């Protein structure tokens, strides 16, 4: 099954729709350990990314991801702005300057997004960040797992942040008080992984 540049535009539209639907829940999660604005930032960023992706005419997969990256960065001032912009740029490079790839190659997109987030954020798994969802998803993807298993790995990773003490980002100021609450960035990341996995299944 092919994943085309038009499908990539559809993926960003799916990201935007999911973040719109989950905005209030993500803000509520963020209200406990952050500034209560994570849902708003992700909705604004993905809306901008989807709009920019839509305007790419007869472009390659890489063109779509690059346009989305630039738009996300411009729309989001919070830390997730440069993190996801870098992730999308890396994803575009992995997808390549071609009109389509096989849907199974979306595994390389998940891995590339993790690599971009690591490169930009300098985080490690276990610090209660979005990486705690992206890293297990990428590991599953690298191992050739199917879409369901990759999505489950991301969800499990996000849930595991509940038992972590934040040592990076705003939540780190809370120390032990961040225990018992899932990281909103990891939760939103698991939702994005689910949308990529849905596209992988077609």
C-alpha atoms as a PDB file:
ATOM      1  CA  UNK A   1       0.000   0.000   0.000  1.00  0.00           C
ATOM      2  CA  UNK A   2       1.288   3.412  -0.979  1.00  0.00           C
ATOM      3  CA  UNK A   3       1.538   6.494   1.235  1.00  0.00           C
ATOM      4  CA  UNK A   4       1.534   9.528  -1.074  1.00  0.00           C
ATOM      5  CA  UNK A   5       2.192  13.244  -0.611  1.00  0.00           C
ATOM      6  CA  UNK A   6      -1.596  13.677  -0.553  1.00  0.00           C
ATOM      7  CA  UNK A   7      -1.770  11.085   2.228  1.00  0.00           C
ATOM      8  CA  UNK A   8       0.865  13.073   4.109  1.00  0.00           C
ATOM      9  CA  UNK A   9      -1.398  16.128   3.892  1.00  0.00           C
ATOM     10  CA  UNK A  10      -4.206  13.941   5.207  1.00  0.00           C
ATOM     11  CA  UNK A  11      -1.996  12.838   8.103  1.00  0.00           C
ATOM     12  CA  UNK A  12      -1.435  16.449   9.173  1.00  0.00           C
ATOM     13  CA  UNK A  13      -5.177  17.093   8.891  1.00  0.00           C
ATOM     14  CA  UNK A  14      -5.682  14.068  11.177  1.00  0.00           C
ATOM     15  CA  UNK A  15      -3.100  15.451  13.633  1.00  0.00           C
ATOM     16  CA  UNK A  16      -4.960  18.773  13.690  1.00  0.00           C
ATOM     17  CA  UNK A  17      -8.371  17.146  14.181  1.00  0.00           C
ATOM     18  CA  UNK A  18      -7.066  14.931  17.003  1.00  0.00           C
ATOM     19  CA  UNK A  19      -5.415  17.834  18.843  1.00  0.00           C
ATOM     20  CA  UNK A  20      -8.592  19.884  18.452  1.00  0.00           C
ATOM     21  CA  UNK A  21     -10.642  17.048  19.949  1.00  0.00           C
ATOM     22  CA  UNK A  22      -8.191  16.477  22.809  1.00  0.00           C
ATOM     23  CA  UNK A  23      -7.276  20.126  23.495  1.00  0.00           C
ATOM     24  CA  UNK A  24      -9.242  20.550  26.733  1.00  0.00           C
ATOM     25  CA  UNK A  25      -8.164  17.187  28.153  1.00  0.00           C
ATOM     26  CA  UNK A  26      -4.506  17.993  27.415  1.00  0.00           C
ATOM     27  CA  UNK A  27      -4.859  21.437  29.006  1.00  0.00           C
ATOM     28  CA  UNK A  28      -6.385  19.838  32.093  1.00  0.00           C
ATOM     29  CA  UNK A  29      -3.450  17.410  32.336  1.00  0.00           C
ATOM     30  CA  UNK A  30      -1.023  20.295  31.886  1.00  0.00           C
ATOM     31  CA  UNK A  31      -2.823  22.325  34.546  1.00  0.00           C
ATOM     32  CA  UNK A  32      -1.621  19.870  37.182  1.00  0.00           C
ATOM     33  CA  UNK A  33       2.125  20.026  36.399  1.00  0.00           C
ATOM     34  CA  UNK A  34       2.529  22.864  33.876  1.00  0.00           C
ATOM     35  CA  UNK A  35       0.931  26.031  32.516  1.00  0.00           C
ATOM     36  CA  UNK A  36      -2.379  24.470  31.408  1.00  0.00           C
ATOM     37  CA  UNK A  37      -1.730  25.484  27.797  1.00  0.00           C
ATOM     38  CA  UNK A  38      -0.291  22.335  26.184  1.00  0.00           C
ATOM     39  CA  UNK A  39      -3.546  21.459  24.422  1.00  0.00           C
ATOM     40  CA  UNK A  40      -3.844  24.973  23.006  1.00  0.00           C
ATOM     41  CA  UNK A  41      -0.244  24.974  21.784  1.00  0.00           C
ATOM     42  CA  UNK A  42      -0.625  21.583  20.106  1.00  0.00           C
ATOM     43  CA  UNK A  43      -3.931  22.534  18.511  1.00  0.00           C
ATOM     44  CA  UNK A  44      -2.521  25.804  17.150  1.00  0.00           C
ATOM     45  CA  UNK A  45       0.657  24.122  15.936  1.00  0.00           C
ATOM     46  CA  UNK A  46      -1.068  21.260  14.171  1.00  0.00           C
ATOM     47  CA  UNK A  47      -3.715  23.535  12.643  1.00  0.00           C
ATOM     48  CA  UNK A  48      -0.920  25.675  11.183  1.00  0.00           C
ATOM     49  CA  UNK A  49       0.998  22.588  10.041  1.00  0.00           C
ATOM     50  CA  UNK A  50      -2.084  21.119   8.357  1.00  0.00           C
ATOM     51  CA  UNK A  51      -2.882  24.388   6.574  1.00  0.00           C
ATOM     52  CA  UNK A  52       0.701  24.731   5.320  1.00  0.00           C
ATOM     53  CA  UNK A  53       0.821  21.095   4.204  1.00  0.00           C
ATOM     54  CA  UNK A  54      -2.422  21.569   2.276  1.00  0.00           C
ATOM     55  CA  UNK A  55      -0.938  24.411   0.203  1.00  0.00           C
ATOM     56  CA  UNK A  56       2.002  22.339  -1.115  1.00  0.00           C
ATOM     57  CA  UNK A  57       1.279  21.803  -4.807  1.00  0.00           C
ATOM     58  CA  UNK A  58       2.534  18.702  -6.609  1.00  0.00           C
ATOM     59  CA  UNK A  59       5.223  18.336  -3.989  1.00  0.00           C
ATOM     60  CA  UNK A  60       7.207  15.434  -2.610  1.00  0.00           C
ATOM     61  CA  UNK A  61       6.696  13.813   0.782  1.00  0.00           C
ATOM     62  CA  UNK A  62       9.624  15.866   2.057  1.00  0.00           C
ATOM     63  CA  UNK A  63       8.048  19.096   0.789  1.00  0.00           C
ATOM     64  CA  UNK A  64       4.884  18.404   2.792  1.00  0.00           C
ATOM     65  CA  UNK A  65       6.770  17.638   6.025  1.00  0.00           C
ATOM     66  CA  UNK A  66       9.059  20.659   5.573  1.00  0.00           C
ATOM     67  CA  UNK A  67       6.130  23.033   5.056  1.00  0.00           C
ATOM     68  CA  UNK A  68       4.437  21.635   8.163  1.00  0.00           C
ATOM     69  CA  UNK A  69       7.645  21.974  10.196  1.00  0.00           C
ATOM     70  CA  UNK A  70       8.070  25.632   9.344  1.00  0.00           C
ATOM     71  CA  UNK A  71       4.422  26.427  10.082  1.00  0.00           C
ATOM     72  CA  UNK A  72       4.444  24.570  13.404  1.00  0.00           C
ATOM     73  CA  UNK A  73       7.537  26.480  14.533  1.00  0.00           C
ATOM     74  CA  UNK A  74       5.976  29.821  13.582  1.00  0.00           C
ATOM     75  CA  UNK A  75       2.741  29.001  15.407  1.00  0.00           C
ATOM     76  CA  UNK A  76       4.104  27.630  18.692  1.00  0.00           C
ATOM     77  CA  UNK A  77       6.345  29.637  20.974  1.00  0.00           C
ATOM     78  CA  UNK A  78       6.433  26.940  23.661  1.00  0.00           C
ATOM     79  CA  UNK A  79       9.177  24.307  23.854  1.00  0.00           C
ATOM     80  CA  UNK A  80       7.150  21.926  21.687  1.00  0.00           C
ATOM     81  CA  UNK A  81       7.581  24.348  18.733  1.00  0.00           C
ATOM     82  CA  UNK A  82      11.245  23.695  17.929  1.00  0.00           C
ATOM     83  CA  UNK A  83      10.953  20.056  19.055  1.00  0.00           C
ATOM     84  CA  UNK A  84       8.183  19.158  16.617  1.00  0.00           C
ATOM     85  CA  UNK A  85       9.609  21.379  13.871  1.00  0.00           C
ATOM     86  CA  UNK A  86      12.885  19.444  14.090  1.00  0.00           C
ATOM     87  CA  UNK A  87      10.972  16.153  14.261  1.00  0.00           C
ATOM     88  CA  UNK A  88       9.016  16.960  11.092  1.00  0.00           C
ATOM     89  CA  UNK A  89      12.171  18.060   9.248  1.00  0.00           C
ATOM     90  CA  UNK A  90      13.837  14.756  10.130  1.00  0.00           C
ATOM     91  CA  UNK A  91      10.678  12.881   9.144  1.00  0.00           C
ATOM     92  CA  UNK A  92      10.683  14.660   5.780  1.00  0.00           C
ATOM     93  CA  UNK A  93      14.279  13.682   5.179  1.00  0.00           C
ATOM     94  CA  UNK A  94      13.428  10.053   6.010  1.00  0.00           C
ATOM     95  CA  UNK A  95      10.349  10.076   3.759  1.00  0.00           C
ATOM     96  CA  UNK A  96      12.424  11.568   0.972  1.00  0.00           C
ATOM     97  CA  UNK A  97      12.095  13.811  -2.063  1.00  0.00           C
ATOM     98  CA  UNK A  98       9.685  11.432  -3.788  1.00  0.00           C
ATOM     99  CA  UNK A  99       5.940  11.454  -4.424  1.00  0.00           C
ATOM    100  CA  UNK A 100       5.178   8.327  -2.390  1.00  0.00           C
ATOM    101  CA  UNK A 101       6.529   5.461  -0.313  1.00  0.00           C
ATOM    102  CA  UNK A 102       5.070   2.245   1.037  1.00  0.00           C
ATOM    103  CA  UNK A 103       2.855   2.678   4.088  1.00  0.00           C
ATOM    104  CA  UNK A 104       5.183   0.386   6.035  1.00  0.00           C
ATOM    105  CA  UNK A 105       7.946   2.970   5.633  1.00  0.00           C
ATOM    106  CA  UNK A 106       6.040   5.196   8.053  1.00  0.00           C
ATOM    107  CA  UNK A 107       8.048   3.255  10.653  1.00  0.00           C
ATOM    108  CA  UNK A 108      11.103   5.228   9.514  1.00  0.00           C
ATOM    109  CA  UNK A 109       9.115   8.447   9.983  1.00  0.00           C
ATOM    110  CA  UNK A 110       8.408   7.556  13.632  1.00  0.00           C
ATOM    111  CA  UNK A 111      12.089   6.755  14.199  1.00  0.00           C
ATOM    112  CA  UNK A 112      13.168   9.995  12.511  1.00  0.00           C
ATOM    113  CA  UNK A 113      10.762  12.035  14.643  1.00  0.00           C
ATOM    114  CA  UNK A 114      12.212  10.497  17.793  1.00  0.00           C
ATOM    115  CA  UNK A 115      15.725  11.291  16.569  1.00  0.00           C
ATOM    116  CA  UNK A 116      14.773  14.897  15.848  1.00  0.00           C
ATOM    117  CA  UNK A 117      13.264  15.333  19.313  1.00  0.00           C
ATOM    118  CA  UNK A 118      16.381  13.844  20.943  1.00  0.00           C
ATOM    119  CA  UNK A 119      18.661  16.062  18.856  1.00  0.00           C
ATOM    120  CA  UNK A 120      16.763  19.260  19.649  1.00  0.00           C
ATOM    121  CA  UNK A 121      15.623  18.563  23.209  1.00  0.00           C
ATOM    122  CA  UNK A 122      18.679  16.718  24.562  1.00  0.00           C
ATOM    123  CA  UNK A 123      16.261  14.638  26.654  1.00  0.00           C
ATOM    124  CA  UNK A 124      16.595  11.000  27.652  1.00  0.00           C
ATOM    125  CA  UNK A 125      13.835   8.478  28.325  1.00  0.00           C
ATOM    126  CA  UNK A 126      12.740   8.511  31.960  1.00  0.00           C
ATOM    127  CA  UNK A 127      12.748  12.308  32.385  1.00  0.00           C
ATOM    128  CA  UNK A 128       8.955  12.577  32.047  1.00  0.00           C
ATOM    129  CA  UNK A 129       8.798  14.240  28.626  1.00  0.00           C
ATOM    130  CA  UNK A 130       7.244  13.568  25.209  1.00  0.00           C
ATOM    131  CA  UNK A 131      10.275  11.380  24.501  1.00  0.00           C
ATOM    132  CA  UNK A 132       8.862   8.784  26.888  1.00  0.00           C
ATOM    133  CA  UNK A 133       6.169   8.087  24.288  1.00  0.00           C
ATOM    134  CA  UNK A 134       8.248   8.611  21.132  1.00  0.00           C
ATOM    135  CA  UNK A 135      11.191   6.435  22.243  1.00  0.00           C
ATOM    136  CA  UNK A 136       9.262   3.165  22.844  1.00  0.00           C
ATOM    137  CA  UNK A 137       7.214   3.755  19.677  1.00  0.00           C
ATOM    138  CA  UNK A 138      10.419   4.204  17.664  1.00  0.00           C
ATOM    139  CA  UNK A 139      11.971   1.115  19.272  1.00  0.00           C
ATOM    140  CA  UNK A 140       8.927  -0.926  18.280  1.00  0.00           C
ATOM    141  CA  UNK A 141       9.062   0.551  14.760  1.00  0.00           C
ATOM    142  CA  UNK A 142      12.777  -0.283  14.443  1.00  0.00           C
ATOM    143  CA  UNK A 143      11.981  -3.859  15.482  1.00  0.00           C
ATOM    144  CA  UNK A 144       9.447  -4.086  12.635  1.00  0.00           C
ATOM    145  CA  UNK A 145       6.399  -4.231  14.916  1.00  0.00           C
ATOM    146  CA  UNK A 146       2.948  -3.803  13.408  1.00  0.00           C
ATOM    147  CA  UNK A 147       0.900  -0.590  13.696  1.00  0.00           C
ATOM    148  CA  UNK A 148      -1.089  -1.789  16.722  1.00  0.00           C
ATOM    149  CA  UNK A 149       2.047  -2.702  18.679  1.00  0.00           C
ATOM    150  CA  UNK A 150       3.753   0.610  17.862  1.00  0.00           C
ATOM    151  CA  UNK A 151       0.697   2.596  18.995  1.00  0.00           C
ATOM    152  CA  UNK A 152       0.459   0.486  22.165  1.00  0.00           C
ATOM    153  CA  UNK A 153       4.142   1.110  22.934  1.00  0.00           C
ATOM    154  CA  UNK A 154       3.544   4.868  22.724  1.00  0.00           C
ATOM    155  CA  UNK A 155       0.448   4.685  24.947  1.00  0.00           C
ATOM    156  CA  UNK A 156       2.251   2.527  27.507  1.00  0.00           C
ATOM    157  CA  UNK A 157       5.192   4.923  27.458  1.00  0.00           C
ATOM    158  CA  UNK A 158       2.923   7.903  28.102  1.00  0.00           C
ATOM    159  CA  UNK A 159       1.175   6.072  30.947  1.00  0.00           C
ATOM    160  CA  UNK A 160       4.561   5.160  32.481  1.00  0.00           C
ATOM    161  CA  UNK A 161       5.340   8.885  32.943  1.00  0.00           C
ATOM    162  CA  UNK A 162       2.763   8.842  35.758  1.00  0.00           C
ATOM    163  CA  UNK A 163       5.379   7.065  37.909  1.00  0.00           C
ATOM    164  CA  UNK A 164       8.241   9.406  36.959  1.00  0.00           C
ATOM    165  CA  UNK A 165       9.578  12.530  38.630  1.00  0.00           C
ATOM    166  CA  UNK A 166      10.109  15.300  36.085  1.00  0.00           C
ATOM    167  CA  UNK A 167      13.731  16.394  35.761  1.00  0.00           C
ATOM    168  CA  UNK A 168      13.392  18.466  32.585  1.00  0.00           C
ATOM    169  CA  UNK A 169      11.100  21.300  31.523  1.00  0.00           C
ATOM    170  CA  UNK A 170       8.618  23.298  33.608  1.00  0.00           C
ATOM    171  CA  UNK A 171       7.335  20.279  35.521  1.00  0.00           C
ATOM    172  CA  UNK A 172      10.843  19.779  36.948  1.00  0.00           C
ATOM    173  CA  UNK A 173      10.177  22.678  39.328  1.00  0.00           C
ATOM    174  CA  UNK A 174       7.603  20.505  41.100  1.00  0.00           C
ATOM    175  CA  UNK A 175      10.062  17.722  41.904  1.00  0.00           C
ATOM    176  CA  UNK A 176       8.292  14.856  43.657  1.00  0.00           C
ATOM    177  CA  UNK A 177       4.941  16.615  43.293  1.00  0.00           C
ATOM    178  CA  UNK A 178       5.006  15.690  39.596  1.00  0.00           C
ATOM    179  CA  UNK A 179       4.651  12.032  40.625  1.00  0.00           C
ATOM    180  CA  UNK A 180       1.280  10.422  39.973  1.00  0.00           C
ATOM    181  CA  UNK A 181       0.470  12.603  36.955  1.00  0.00           C
ATOM    182  CA  UNK A 182       1.124  11.617  33.330  1.00  0.00           C
ATOM    183  CA  UNK A 183       3.189  14.027  31.250  1.00  0.00           C
ATOM    184  CA  UNK A 184       0.890  15.948  28.854  1.00  0.00           C
ATOM    185  CA  UNK A 185       3.590  16.055  26.170  1.00  0.00           C
ATOM    186  CA  UNK A 186       3.931  12.287  26.277  1.00  0.00           C
ATOM    187  CA  UNK A 187       0.151  11.869  26.166  1.00  0.00           C
ATOM    188  CA  UNK A 188      -0.201  14.116  23.089  1.00  0.00           C
ATOM    189  CA  UNK A 189       2.777  12.325  21.494  1.00  0.00           C
ATOM    190  CA  UNK A 190       1.055   8.953  21.936  1.00  0.00           C
ATOM    191  CA  UNK A 191      -1.994  10.383  20.147  1.00  0.00           C
ATOM    192  CA  UNK A 192       0.155  11.513  17.206  1.00  0.00           C
ATOM    193  CA  UNK A 193       1.780   8.067  17.035  1.00  0.00           C
ATOM    194  CA  UNK A 194      -1.730   6.547  16.933  1.00  0.00           C
ATOM    195  CA  UNK A 195      -2.597   8.729  13.925  1.00  0.00           C
ATOM    196  CA  UNK A 196       0.597   7.695  12.108  1.00  0.00           C
ATOM    197  CA  UNK A 197      -0.209   4.054  12.853  1.00  0.00           C
ATOM    198  CA  UNK A 198      -3.732   4.545  11.498  1.00  0.00           C
ATOM    199  CA  UNK A 199      -2.187   5.868   8.262  1.00  0.00           C
ATOM    200  CA  UNK A 200       0.165   2.867   8.235  1.00  0.00           C
ATOM    201  CA  UNK A 201      -2.828   0.533   8.319  1.00  0.00           C
ATOM    202  CA  UNK A 202      -4.552   2.583   5.613  1.00  0.00           C
END
